[in-house]
Amino acid sequence: MVKVDCKGLPCPQPLIATRKAMRENAVGTEIEVTVDNATARGNVTQMLADFGVTIAFESQDGLFVGRFINPAVKEDATSLQALDTMVCPTTGDRVSAATLLCTTNVLGVGDDTLGGILMKGFLSTLVDWQPLPKEILFLNAGVKLCTRSSGAIETLKTLEASGMALLICGTCVDFYKIRESISVGTITNMQRISQSIATASKVVKL
């Protein structure tokens, strides 16, 4: 039996860890997932339901433990693994890599502490995008994500190592006086960033 320990992992890490175990193990393998909160339990349950798998979690010492048999999953157009072959029904064009425009270090409007957690969680999901985003453009407060104390550095280094370009606005870096703290990516100018936006096939603004 393969055990997936998701205790203490923020959303969406339990989903990523469970899906990773599904990919890496043979059909018919029993997989046990442990989470420590009801939200993660519900998210894992729903993700598996999307693959036609039922999992029943039991409460054990404040944790939720569930087991399921790894299915034979055929990736389809709704799956992250199939996005690189998905065809637009109206134009017949293949899905192309997106350029992400990151203008803030938080995700959503409301509490900034929560927003920071959500942004780091979102960035961690990018490794599963197919195709991977072409590049991330960091502007305004978004440049703070590239500092060594942001909590997102390891994720961003992984993305950069995968071939994704991380372009950081130099004017913004100097405005916030954080040039010495930038630990990943390439500091560049607005002309380069503007060119990336102008030539991108698809821009997703965060």
N, C-alpha and C. Protein backbone atom coordinates (compact mmCIF):
# COMPACT_ATOMS: atom_id res chain seq x y z
N MET A 1 0.84 -1.19 0.00
CA MET A 1 0.00 0.00 0.00
C MET A 1 0.88 1.25 0.00
N VAL A 2 0.52 2.22 -0.82
CA VAL A 2 1.25 3.48 -0.90
C VAL A 2 0.55 4.49 0.01
N LYS A 3 1.32 5.15 0.87
CA LYS A 3 0.75 6.12 1.80
C LYS A 3 1.12 7.54 1.37
N VAL A 4 0.12 8.41 1.33
CA VAL A 4 0.31 9.81 0.96
C VAL A 4 -0.02 10.65 2.19
N ASP A 5 1.01 11.19 2.83
CA ASP A 5 0.84 11.95 4.07
C ASP A 5 0.72 13.43 3.72
N CYS A 6 -0.49 13.97 3.90
CA CYS A 6 -0.75 15.38 3.56
C CYS A 6 -0.99 16.23 4.79
N LYS A 7 -0.60 15.74 5.95
CA LYS A 7 -0.80 16.52 7.17
C LYS A 7 -0.02 17.82 7.10
N GLY A 8 -0.70 18.91 7.40
CA GLY A 8 -0.05 20.21 7.43
C GLY A 8 0.14 20.86 6.08
N LEU A 9 -0.29 20.21 5.01
CA LEU A 9 -0.11 20.78 3.67
C LEU A 9 -1.26 21.71 3.33
N PRO A 10 -0.95 22.94 2.87
CA PRO A 10 -2.02 23.87 2.47
C PRO A 10 -2.58 23.48 1.11
N CYS A 11 -3.80 23.91 0.85
CA CYS A 11 -4.40 23.73 -0.47
C CYS A 11 -3.54 24.46 -1.50
N PRO A 12 -3.24 23.85 -2.67
CA PRO A 12 -3.78 22.59 -3.21
C PRO A 12 -2.81 21.42 -3.08
N GLN A 13 -1.86 21.48 -2.14
CA GLN A 13 -0.83 20.45 -2.06
C GLN A 13 -1.37 19.03 -1.85
N PRO A 14 -2.45 18.82 -1.04
CA PRO A 14 -2.99 17.46 -0.93
C PRO A 14 -3.46 16.89 -2.27
N LEU A 15 -4.04 17.75 -3.11
CA LEU A 15 -4.48 17.30 -4.43
C LEU A 15 -3.28 16.92 -5.29
N ILE A 16 -2.25 17.76 -5.28
CA ILE A 16 -1.06 17.51 -6.09
C ILE A 16 -0.38 16.22 -5.64
N ALA A 17 -0.26 16.02 -4.32
CA ALA A 17 0.41 14.84 -3.80
C ALA A 17 -0.37 13.57 -4.14
N THR A 18 -1.70 13.64 -4.04
CA THR A 18 -2.52 12.47 -4.35
C THR A 18 -2.44 12.14 -5.83
N ARG A 19 -2.53 13.16 -6.67
CA ARG A 19 -2.48 12.93 -8.12
C ARG A 19 -1.09 12.40 -8.52
N LYS A 20 -0.04 12.88 -7.86
CA LYS A 20 1.32 12.40 -8.13
C LYS A 20 1.42 10.91 -7.81
N ALA A 21 0.84 10.50 -6.68
CA ALA A 21 0.87 9.09 -6.31
C ALA A 21 0.11 8.24 -7.33
N MET A 22 -0.99 8.79 -7.86
CA MET A 22 -1.77 8.06 -8.87
C MET A 22 -0.95 7.86 -10.14
N ARG A 23 -0.21 8.90 -10.52
CA ARG A 23 0.59 8.81 -11.75
C ARG A 23 1.76 7.84 -11.60
N GLU A 24 2.36 7.83 -10.41
CA GLU A 24 3.61 7.09 -10.22
C GLU A 24 3.41 5.63 -9.87
N ASN A 25 2.17 5.22 -9.58
CA ASN A 25 1.93 3.84 -9.16
C ASN A 25 1.02 3.11 -10.13
N ALA A 26 1.16 1.80 -10.13
CA ALA A 26 0.44 0.97 -11.10
C ALA A 26 -1.05 0.93 -10.81
N VAL A 27 -1.82 0.65 -11.85
CA VAL A 27 -3.26 0.43 -11.71
C VAL A 27 -3.47 -0.73 -10.73
N GLY A 28 -4.42 -0.55 -9.82
CA GLY A 28 -4.71 -1.59 -8.84
C GLY A 28 -3.99 -1.41 -7.53
N THR A 29 -3.05 -0.46 -7.47
CA THR A 29 -2.33 -0.20 -6.22
C THR A 29 -3.28 0.44 -5.21
N GLU A 30 -3.22 -0.02 -3.96
CA GLU A 30 -4.02 0.63 -2.91
C GLU A 30 -3.25 1.85 -2.41
N ILE A 31 -3.94 2.98 -2.40
CA ILE A 31 -3.34 4.24 -1.97
C ILE A 31 -4.09 4.77 -0.76
N GLU A 32 -3.34 5.12 0.27
CA GLU A 32 -3.93 5.69 1.48
C GLU A 32 -3.57 7.16 1.57
N VAL A 33 -4.56 8.00 1.77
CA VAL A 33 -4.36 9.45 1.87
C VAL A 33 -4.73 9.92 3.27
N THR A 34 -3.85 10.69 3.89
CA THR A 34 -4.12 11.25 5.22
C THR A 34 -4.09 12.77 5.14
N VAL A 35 -5.17 13.40 5.58
CA VAL A 35 -5.26 14.86 5.64
C VAL A 35 -5.69 15.26 7.04
N ASP A 36 -5.54 16.55 7.36
CA ASP A 36 -5.84 16.97 8.72
C ASP A 36 -6.95 18.02 8.82
N ASN A 37 -7.70 18.20 7.73
CA ASN A 37 -8.80 19.15 7.80
C ASN A 37 -9.90 18.76 6.80
N ALA A 38 -11.10 19.22 7.09
CA ALA A 38 -12.26 18.83 6.29
C ALA A 38 -12.21 19.38 4.87
N THR A 39 -11.59 20.55 4.71
CA THR A 39 -11.49 21.13 3.36
C THR A 39 -10.66 20.25 2.45
N ALA A 40 -9.49 19.81 2.93
CA ALA A 40 -8.64 18.93 2.15
C ALA A 40 -9.34 17.61 1.88
N ARG A 41 -10.03 17.08 2.87
CA ARG A 41 -10.79 15.84 2.68
C ARG A 41 -11.80 15.99 1.55
N GLY A 42 -12.55 17.10 1.56
CA GLY A 42 -13.54 17.34 0.52
C GLY A 42 -12.92 17.53 -0.85
N ASN A 43 -11.79 18.23 -0.89
CA ASN A 43 -11.12 18.47 -2.17
C ASN A 43 -10.60 17.18 -2.79
N VAL A 44 -9.97 16.34 -1.98
CA VAL A 44 -9.45 15.06 -2.48
C VAL A 44 -10.61 14.17 -2.92
N THR A 45 -11.68 14.15 -2.13
CA THR A 45 -12.86 13.35 -2.48
C THR A 45 -13.43 13.77 -3.83
N GLN A 46 -13.53 15.09 -4.06
CA GLN A 46 -14.08 15.59 -5.32
C GLN A 46 -13.16 15.30 -6.49
N MET A 47 -11.85 15.48 -6.29
CA MET A 47 -10.93 15.20 -7.38
C MET A 47 -11.01 13.74 -7.81
N LEU A 48 -11.04 12.83 -6.83
CA LEU A 48 -11.13 11.41 -7.16
C LEU A 48 -12.46 11.08 -7.83
N ALA A 49 -13.53 11.74 -7.39
CA ALA A 49 -14.84 11.53 -8.02
C ALA A 49 -14.79 11.91 -9.49
N ASP A 50 -14.01 12.96 -9.82
CA ASP A 50 -13.87 13.37 -11.21
C ASP A 50 -13.22 12.27 -12.05
N PHE A 51 -12.43 11.41 -11.40
CA PHE A 51 -11.80 10.28 -12.09
C PHE A 51 -12.62 8.99 -11.93
N GLY A 52 -13.83 9.12 -11.38
CA GLY A 52 -14.68 7.96 -11.21
C GLY A 52 -14.30 7.08 -10.04
N VAL A 53 -13.59 7.64 -9.06
CA VAL A 53 -13.10 6.87 -7.91
C VAL A 53 -13.82 7.33 -6.65
N THR A 54 -14.24 6.39 -5.85
CA THR A 54 -14.88 6.70 -4.57
C THR A 54 -13.90 6.44 -3.44
N ILE A 55 -13.79 7.40 -2.54
CA ILE A 55 -12.95 7.24 -1.36
C ILE A 55 -13.78 7.59 -0.14
N ALA A 56 -13.68 6.77 0.90
CA ALA A 56 -14.40 7.02 2.15
C ALA A 56 -13.37 7.31 3.23
N PHE A 57 -13.37 8.52 3.74
CA PHE A 57 -12.44 8.89 4.80
C PHE A 57 -12.99 8.50 6.16
N GLU A 58 -12.10 8.03 7.03
CA GLU A 58 -12.44 7.74 8.41
C GLU A 58 -11.68 8.70 9.31
N SER A 59 -12.29 9.08 10.42
CA SER A 59 -11.64 9.98 11.38
C SER A 59 -10.79 9.15 12.32
N GLN A 60 -9.51 9.51 12.43
CA GLN A 60 -8.57 8.79 13.30
C GLN A 60 -7.69 9.78 14.04
N ASP A 61 -7.93 9.94 15.32
CA ASP A 61 -7.11 10.82 16.16
C ASP A 61 -7.01 12.23 15.60
N GLY A 62 -8.13 12.78 15.16
CA GLY A 62 -8.15 14.14 14.63
C GLY A 62 -7.73 14.25 13.18
N LEU A 63 -7.39 13.14 12.56
CA LEU A 63 -7.01 13.14 11.15
C LEU A 63 -8.09 12.44 10.33
N PHE A 64 -8.03 12.62 9.02
CA PHE A 64 -8.94 11.93 8.10
C PHE A 64 -8.10 11.02 7.21
N VAL A 65 -8.41 9.73 7.27
CA VAL A 65 -7.65 8.73 6.52
C VAL A 65 -8.58 8.00 5.57
N GLY A 66 -8.19 7.99 4.29
CA GLY A 66 -9.02 7.33 3.28
C GLY A 66 -8.16 6.46 2.38
N ARG A 67 -8.76 5.41 1.84
CA ARG A 67 -8.04 4.50 0.93
C ARG A 67 -8.84 4.31 -0.34
N PHE A 68 -8.11 4.13 -1.45
CA PHE A 68 -8.77 3.84 -2.72
C PHE A 68 -7.83 3.01 -3.58
N ILE A 69 -8.40 2.36 -4.58
CA ILE A 69 -7.62 1.55 -5.51
C ILE A 69 -7.32 2.40 -6.74
N ASN A 70 -6.04 2.51 -7.07
CA ASN A 70 -5.62 3.34 -8.20
C ASN A 70 -6.27 2.85 -9.49
N PRO A 71 -7.02 3.72 -10.15
CA PRO A 71 -7.75 3.29 -11.34
C PRO A 71 -6.93 3.40 -12.62
N ALA A 72 -7.47 2.82 -13.65
CA ALA A 72 -6.92 3.04 -14.99
C ALA A 72 -7.59 4.30 -15.52
N VAL A 73 -6.85 5.40 -15.51
CA VAL A 73 -7.42 6.69 -15.86
C VAL A 73 -7.00 7.08 -17.27
N LYS A 74 -7.96 7.32 -18.12
CA LYS A 74 -7.68 7.85 -19.45
C LYS A 74 -7.77 9.36 -19.38
N GLU A 75 -6.64 10.03 -19.60
CA GLU A 75 -6.64 11.48 -19.53
C GLU A 75 -7.51 12.05 -20.65
N ASP A 76 -8.33 13.04 -20.31
CA ASP A 76 -9.18 13.65 -21.32
C ASP A 76 -9.02 15.15 -21.30
N ALA A 77 -9.85 15.86 -22.02
CA ALA A 77 -9.68 17.31 -22.19
C ALA A 77 -9.90 18.09 -20.92
N THR A 78 -10.46 17.46 -19.88
CA THR A 78 -10.67 18.16 -18.63
C THR A 78 -9.49 17.97 -17.68
N SER A 79 -8.56 17.13 -18.07
CA SER A 79 -7.42 16.81 -17.22
C SER A 79 -6.25 17.74 -17.51
N LEU A 80 -5.49 18.06 -16.47
CA LEU A 80 -4.30 18.90 -16.65
C LEU A 80 -3.32 18.26 -17.60
N GLN A 81 -3.25 16.95 -17.62
CA GLN A 81 -2.30 16.27 -18.47
C GLN A 81 -2.69 16.30 -19.94
N ALA A 82 -3.93 16.64 -20.23
CA ALA A 82 -4.38 16.64 -21.62
C ALA A 82 -4.43 18.03 -22.23
N LEU A 83 -4.13 19.05 -21.49
CA LEU A 83 -4.27 20.40 -22.01
C LEU A 83 -3.35 20.68 -23.19
N ASP A 84 -2.22 19.96 -23.24
CA ASP A 84 -1.31 20.22 -24.34
C ASP A 84 -1.80 19.65 -25.66
N THR A 85 -2.81 18.79 -25.64
CA THR A 85 -3.33 18.22 -26.87
C THR A 85 -4.77 18.64 -27.12
N MET A 86 -5.32 19.46 -26.24
CA MET A 86 -6.70 19.87 -26.39
C MET A 86 -6.85 20.80 -27.59
N VAL A 87 -7.92 20.64 -28.35
CA VAL A 87 -8.16 21.44 -29.54
C VAL A 87 -9.36 22.33 -29.33
N CYS A 88 -9.23 23.60 -29.70
CA CYS A 88 -10.34 24.53 -29.57
C CYS A 88 -11.47 24.10 -30.50
N PRO A 89 -12.69 23.92 -30.00
CA PRO A 89 -13.78 23.41 -30.83
C PRO A 89 -14.21 24.36 -31.93
N THR A 90 -13.88 25.65 -31.82
CA THR A 90 -14.34 26.60 -32.84
C THR A 90 -13.29 26.90 -33.89
N THR A 91 -12.00 26.85 -33.50
CA THR A 91 -10.95 27.21 -34.44
C THR A 91 -10.07 26.04 -34.83
N GLY A 92 -10.10 24.98 -34.02
CA GLY A 92 -9.23 23.85 -34.29
C GLY A 92 -7.80 24.08 -33.87
N ASP A 93 -7.51 25.21 -33.23
CA ASP A 93 -6.15 25.52 -32.81
C ASP A 93 -5.80 24.75 -31.54
N ARG A 94 -4.53 24.34 -31.44
CA ARG A 94 -4.06 23.71 -30.22
C ARG A 94 -3.92 24.76 -29.13
N VAL A 95 -4.12 24.33 -27.89
CA VAL A 95 -3.93 25.23 -26.76
C VAL A 95 -2.46 25.62 -26.69
N SER A 96 -2.18 26.90 -26.56
CA SER A 96 -0.80 27.38 -26.52
C SER A 96 -0.43 27.80 -25.10
N ALA A 97 0.87 27.87 -24.85
CA ALA A 97 1.35 28.24 -23.53
C ALA A 97 0.97 29.67 -23.20
N ALA A 98 0.55 29.88 -21.97
CA ALA A 98 0.11 31.20 -21.54
C ALA A 98 1.27 32.00 -20.97
N THR A 99 1.14 33.32 -21.04
CA THR A 99 2.01 34.24 -20.31
C THR A 99 1.23 34.73 -19.10
N LEU A 100 1.81 34.62 -17.91
CA LEU A 100 1.14 35.06 -16.70
C LEU A 100 1.64 36.45 -16.32
N LEU A 101 0.71 37.33 -16.03
CA LEU A 101 1.03 38.70 -15.60
C LEU A 101 0.70 38.81 -14.13
N CYS A 102 1.74 38.85 -13.31
CA CYS A 102 1.57 38.85 -11.85
C CYS A 102 1.85 40.25 -11.32
N THR A 103 0.78 40.96 -10.93
CA THR A 103 0.92 42.35 -10.49
C THR A 103 0.78 42.51 -8.98
N THR A 104 0.69 41.41 -8.26
CA THR A 104 0.50 41.47 -6.82
C THR A 104 1.12 40.25 -6.17
N ASN A 105 1.42 40.34 -4.89
CA ASN A 105 1.97 39.18 -4.17
C ASN A 105 0.90 38.45 -3.37
N VAL A 106 -0.36 38.84 -3.56
CA VAL A 106 -1.48 38.14 -2.93
C VAL A 106 -2.49 37.77 -4.01
N LEU A 107 -3.30 36.77 -3.72
CA LEU A 107 -4.30 36.33 -4.68
C LEU A 107 -5.69 36.61 -4.12
N GLY A 108 -6.47 37.37 -4.86
CA GLY A 108 -7.81 37.70 -4.41
C GLY A 108 -7.85 38.96 -3.56
N VAL A 109 -9.07 39.39 -3.25
CA VAL A 109 -9.29 40.61 -2.48
C VAL A 109 -9.88 40.24 -1.13
N GLY A 110 -9.30 40.79 -0.06
CA GLY A 110 -9.78 40.49 1.28
C GLY A 110 -8.63 40.56 2.25
N ASP A 111 -8.38 39.50 2.97
CA ASP A 111 -7.29 39.46 3.93
C ASP A 111 -5.97 39.16 3.22
N ASP A 112 -4.96 40.00 3.41
CA ASP A 112 -3.70 39.84 2.70
C ASP A 112 -2.91 38.61 3.18
N THR A 113 -3.07 38.24 4.45
CA THR A 113 -2.40 37.03 4.93
C THR A 113 -2.93 35.81 4.19
N LEU A 114 -4.24 35.72 4.09
CA LEU A 114 -4.86 34.63 3.33
C LEU A 114 -4.47 34.72 1.86
N GLY A 115 -4.46 35.95 1.33
CA GLY A 115 -4.09 36.14 -0.07
C GLY A 115 -2.69 35.67 -0.38
N GLY A 116 -1.77 35.87 0.57
CA GLY A 116 -0.40 35.41 0.38
C GLY A 116 -0.32 33.89 0.35
N ILE A 117 -1.09 33.25 1.23
CA ILE A 117 -1.13 31.79 1.25
C ILE A 117 -1.70 31.25 -0.06
N LEU A 118 -2.77 31.89 -0.54
CA LEU A 118 -3.40 31.45 -1.78
C LEU A 118 -2.47 31.64 -2.98
N MET A 119 -1.73 32.75 -3.00
CA MET A 119 -0.82 32.98 -4.13
C MET A 119 0.27 31.92 -4.17
N LYS A 120 0.87 31.59 -3.02
CA LYS A 120 1.91 30.57 -3.00
C LYS A 120 1.34 29.21 -3.40
N GLY A 121 0.10 28.94 -2.96
CA GLY A 121 -0.54 27.70 -3.35
C GLY A 121 -0.79 27.64 -4.84
N PHE A 122 -1.23 28.76 -5.42
CA PHE A 122 -1.49 28.80 -6.86
C PHE A 122 -0.21 28.57 -7.65
N LEU A 123 0.87 29.26 -7.26
CA LEU A 123 2.13 29.12 -7.99
C LEU A 123 2.60 27.66 -7.97
N SER A 124 2.34 26.97 -6.85
CA SER A 124 2.80 25.58 -6.75
C SER A 124 2.05 24.66 -7.71
N THR A 125 0.88 25.08 -8.19
CA THR A 125 0.12 24.23 -9.12
C THR A 125 0.64 24.35 -10.55
N LEU A 126 1.44 25.36 -10.84
CA LEU A 126 1.86 25.61 -12.21
C LEU A 126 2.71 24.48 -12.78
N VAL A 127 3.39 23.72 -11.91
CA VAL A 127 4.22 22.62 -12.40
C VAL A 127 3.38 21.55 -13.06
N ASP A 128 2.08 21.52 -12.79
CA ASP A 128 1.19 20.52 -13.38
C ASP A 128 0.49 21.03 -14.63
N TRP A 129 0.70 22.29 -15.00
CA TRP A 129 0.07 22.81 -16.21
C TRP A 129 0.74 22.19 -17.43
N GLN A 130 -0.08 21.78 -18.39
CA GLN A 130 0.44 21.29 -19.66
C GLN A 130 -0.35 21.95 -20.78
N PRO A 131 0.30 22.77 -21.62
CA PRO A 131 1.72 23.09 -21.53
C PRO A 131 2.01 24.04 -20.38
N LEU A 132 3.25 24.02 -19.92
CA LEU A 132 3.65 24.96 -18.88
C LEU A 132 3.50 26.39 -19.38
N PRO A 133 3.18 27.34 -18.50
CA PRO A 133 3.19 28.73 -18.93
C PRO A 133 4.54 29.08 -19.55
N LYS A 134 4.51 29.94 -20.55
CA LYS A 134 5.74 30.33 -21.22
C LYS A 134 6.61 31.18 -20.30
N GLU A 135 5.97 32.09 -19.56
CA GLU A 135 6.72 33.00 -18.71
C GLU A 135 5.79 33.64 -17.70
N ILE A 136 6.39 34.17 -16.64
CA ILE A 136 5.65 34.98 -15.66
C ILE A 136 6.28 36.36 -15.64
N LEU A 137 5.46 37.37 -15.78
CA LEU A 137 5.92 38.76 -15.74
C LEU A 137 5.53 39.35 -14.39
N PHE A 138 6.50 39.79 -13.62
CA PHE A 138 6.25 40.32 -12.28
C PHE A 138 6.31 41.84 -12.32
N LEU A 139 5.19 42.47 -11.93
CA LEU A 139 5.09 43.93 -11.89
C LEU A 139 4.58 44.38 -10.53
N ASN A 140 4.84 45.64 -10.20
CA ASN A 140 4.35 46.24 -8.96
C ASN A 140 4.66 45.30 -7.78
N ALA A 141 3.68 45.06 -6.88
CA ALA A 141 3.96 44.25 -5.70
C ALA A 141 4.26 42.80 -6.04
N GLY A 142 3.97 42.38 -7.27
CA GLY A 142 4.28 41.01 -7.67
C GLY A 142 5.76 40.70 -7.58
N VAL A 143 6.61 41.73 -7.72
CA VAL A 143 8.06 41.49 -7.67
C VAL A 143 8.50 40.99 -6.29
N LYS A 144 7.71 41.25 -5.26
CA LYS A 144 8.06 40.81 -3.91
C LYS A 144 8.08 39.29 -3.79
N LEU A 145 7.37 38.60 -4.69
CA LEU A 145 7.37 37.14 -4.67
C LEU A 145 8.74 36.57 -5.00
N CYS A 146 9.57 37.36 -5.65
CA CYS A 146 10.89 36.89 -6.10
C CYS A 146 11.98 37.17 -5.08
N THR A 147 11.62 37.67 -3.90
CA THR A 147 12.61 37.93 -2.85
C THR A 147 12.81 36.68 -2.01
N ARG A 148 13.98 36.59 -1.40
CA ARG A 148 14.34 35.37 -0.67
C ARG A 148 13.42 35.09 0.52
N SER A 149 12.72 36.11 1.02
CA SER A 149 11.87 35.91 2.20
C SER A 149 10.40 35.73 1.86
N SER A 150 10.07 35.59 0.58
CA SER A 150 8.66 35.56 0.18
C SER A 150 7.96 34.25 0.51
N GLY A 151 8.72 33.18 0.65
CA GLY A 151 8.11 31.87 0.86
C GLY A 151 7.76 31.16 -0.43
N ALA A 152 7.99 31.83 -1.57
CA ALA A 152 7.67 31.23 -2.86
C ALA A 152 8.92 30.91 -3.68
N ILE A 153 10.10 31.16 -3.10
CA ILE A 153 11.33 31.05 -3.86
C ILE A 153 11.57 29.64 -4.41
N GLU A 154 11.41 28.62 -3.58
CA GLU A 154 11.69 27.26 -4.04
C GLU A 154 10.76 26.87 -5.18
N THR A 155 9.49 27.27 -5.08
CA THR A 155 8.54 26.99 -6.16
C THR A 155 8.97 27.71 -7.43
N LEU A 156 9.33 28.98 -7.32
CA LEU A 156 9.73 29.74 -8.50
C LEU A 156 11.03 29.19 -9.11
N LYS A 157 11.95 28.73 -8.28
CA LYS A 157 13.19 28.15 -8.80
C LYS A 157 12.89 26.86 -9.57
N THR A 158 11.93 26.09 -9.08
CA THR A 158 11.53 24.87 -9.78
C THR A 158 10.92 25.21 -11.13
N LEU A 159 10.09 26.24 -11.16
CA LEU A 159 9.46 26.66 -12.42
C LEU A 159 10.52 27.17 -13.40
N GLU A 160 11.47 27.94 -12.90
CA GLU A 160 12.52 28.47 -13.76
C GLU A 160 13.38 27.34 -14.31
N ALA A 161 13.66 26.34 -13.48
CA ALA A 161 14.46 25.21 -13.92
C ALA A 161 13.75 24.38 -14.98
N SER A 162 12.42 24.44 -14.99
CA SER A 162 11.63 23.70 -15.97
C SER A 162 11.62 24.40 -17.33
N GLY A 163 12.19 25.60 -17.39
CA GLY A 163 12.25 26.33 -18.65
C GLY A 163 11.36 27.55 -18.72
N MET A 164 10.64 27.83 -17.66
CA MET A 164 9.76 28.99 -17.64
C MET A 164 10.58 30.26 -17.36
N ALA A 165 10.36 31.30 -18.15
CA ALA A 165 11.05 32.57 -17.93
C ALA A 165 10.34 33.37 -16.85
N LEU A 166 11.10 33.93 -15.93
CA LEU A 166 10.57 34.78 -14.86
C LEU A 166 11.17 36.16 -15.07
N LEU A 167 10.37 37.11 -15.55
CA LEU A 167 10.84 38.45 -15.87
C LEU A 167 10.33 39.44 -14.83
N ILE A 168 11.25 40.20 -14.25
CA ILE A 168 10.93 41.06 -13.11
C ILE A 168 11.15 42.51 -13.49
N CYS A 169 10.18 43.35 -13.20
CA CYS A 169 10.25 44.77 -13.52
C CYS A 169 11.31 45.47 -12.66
N GLY A 170 12.36 45.99 -13.31
CA GLY A 170 13.43 46.66 -12.59
C GLY A 170 12.98 47.93 -11.89
N THR A 171 12.08 48.69 -12.52
CA THR A 171 11.57 49.92 -11.90
C THR A 171 10.85 49.60 -10.60
N CYS A 172 10.08 48.51 -10.61
CA CYS A 172 9.33 48.10 -9.42
C CYS A 172 10.28 47.63 -8.32
N VAL A 173 11.31 46.89 -8.71
CA VAL A 173 12.30 46.42 -7.74
C VAL A 173 12.97 47.59 -7.05
N ASP A 174 13.34 48.61 -7.82
CA ASP A 174 14.00 49.78 -7.23
C ASP A 174 13.03 50.61 -6.39
N PHE A 175 11.77 50.68 -6.81
CA PHE A 175 10.78 51.42 -6.03
C PHE A 175 10.63 50.83 -4.63
N TYR A 176 10.58 49.48 -4.56
CA TYR A 176 10.43 48.82 -3.27
C TYR A 176 11.76 48.61 -2.55
N LYS A 177 12.87 49.00 -3.22
CA LYS A 177 14.21 48.88 -2.63
C LYS A 177 14.52 47.44 -2.22
N ILE A 178 14.30 46.51 -3.14
CA ILE A 178 14.50 45.09 -2.83
C ILE A 178 15.46 44.41 -3.80
N ARG A 179 16.23 45.19 -4.56
CA ARG A 179 17.10 44.60 -5.57
C ARG A 179 18.05 43.56 -4.97
N GLU A 180 18.59 43.83 -3.80
CA GLU A 180 19.54 42.90 -3.19
C GLU A 180 18.87 41.64 -2.68
N SER A 181 17.54 41.67 -2.57
CA SER A 181 16.81 40.52 -2.04
C SER A 181 16.26 39.61 -3.13
N ILE A 182 16.34 40.04 -4.40
CA ILE A 182 15.82 39.23 -5.50
C ILE A 182 16.67 37.96 -5.62
N SER A 183 16.02 36.80 -5.57
CA SER A 183 16.75 35.53 -5.53
C SER A 183 16.41 34.59 -6.68
N VAL A 184 15.57 35.02 -7.59
CA VAL A 184 15.20 34.17 -8.72
C VAL A 184 14.74 35.07 -9.86
N GLY A 185 14.80 34.58 -11.06
CA GLY A 185 14.31 35.34 -12.20
C GLY A 185 15.33 36.33 -12.75
N THR A 186 14.87 37.11 -13.74
CA THR A 186 15.71 38.08 -14.43
C THR A 186 15.10 39.47 -14.32
N ILE A 187 15.85 40.39 -13.77
CA ILE A 187 15.38 41.78 -13.68
C ILE A 187 15.51 42.40 -15.06
N THR A 188 14.43 42.99 -15.55
CA THR A 188 14.43 43.54 -16.90
C THR A 188 13.69 44.87 -16.91
N ASN A 189 13.38 45.37 -18.11
CA ASN A 189 12.76 46.68 -18.24
C ASN A 189 11.35 46.59 -18.83
N MET A 190 10.64 47.69 -18.82
CA MET A 190 9.26 47.72 -19.28
C MET A 190 9.15 47.42 -20.77
N GLN A 191 10.15 47.80 -21.54
CA GLN A 191 10.09 47.52 -22.97
C GLN A 191 10.04 46.01 -23.22
N ARG A 192 10.89 45.28 -22.49
CA ARG A 192 10.91 43.81 -22.64
C ARG A 192 9.60 43.21 -22.17
N ILE A 193 9.06 43.69 -21.06
CA ILE A 193 7.80 43.18 -20.54
C ILE A 193 6.66 43.50 -21.49
N SER A 194 6.65 44.74 -22.01
CA SER A 194 5.62 45.15 -22.96
C SER A 194 5.66 44.29 -24.22
N GLN A 195 6.86 43.98 -24.68
CA GLN A 195 7.01 43.14 -25.87
C GLN A 195 6.44 41.74 -25.62
N SER A 196 6.68 41.20 -24.43
CA SER A 196 6.16 39.88 -24.08
C SER A 196 4.64 39.87 -24.10
N ILE A 197 4.03 40.93 -23.56
CA ILE A 197 2.57 41.01 -23.54
C ILE A 197 2.02 41.14 -24.95
N ALA A 198 2.68 41.97 -25.76
CA ALA A 198 2.20 42.24 -27.11
C ALA A 198 2.27 41.01 -28.01
N THR A 199 3.25 40.15 -27.77
CA THR A 199 3.44 38.99 -28.65
C THR A 199 2.88 37.70 -28.07
N ALA A 200 2.33 37.77 -26.86
CA ALA A 200 1.79 36.57 -26.22
C ALA A 200 0.51 36.11 -26.91
N SER A 201 0.35 34.81 -27.04
CA SER A 201 -0.89 34.26 -27.62
C SER A 201 -2.02 34.33 -26.61
N LYS A 202 -1.67 34.32 -25.32
CA LYS A 202 -2.68 34.38 -24.26
C LYS A 202 -2.03 34.93 -23.01
N VAL A 203 -2.65 35.95 -22.39
CA VAL A 203 -2.15 36.55 -21.16
C VAL A 203 -3.16 36.31 -20.05
N VAL A 204 -2.69 35.75 -18.94
CA VAL A 204 -3.54 35.52 -17.77
C VAL A 204 -3.06 36.44 -16.67
N LYS A 205 -3.92 37.34 -16.22
CA LYS A 205 -3.53 38.31 -15.18
C LYS A 205 -3.94 37.78 -13.82
N LEU A 206 -3.01 37.82 -12.88
CA LEU A 206 -3.28 37.38 -11.51
C LEU A 206 -3.59 38.58 -10.65
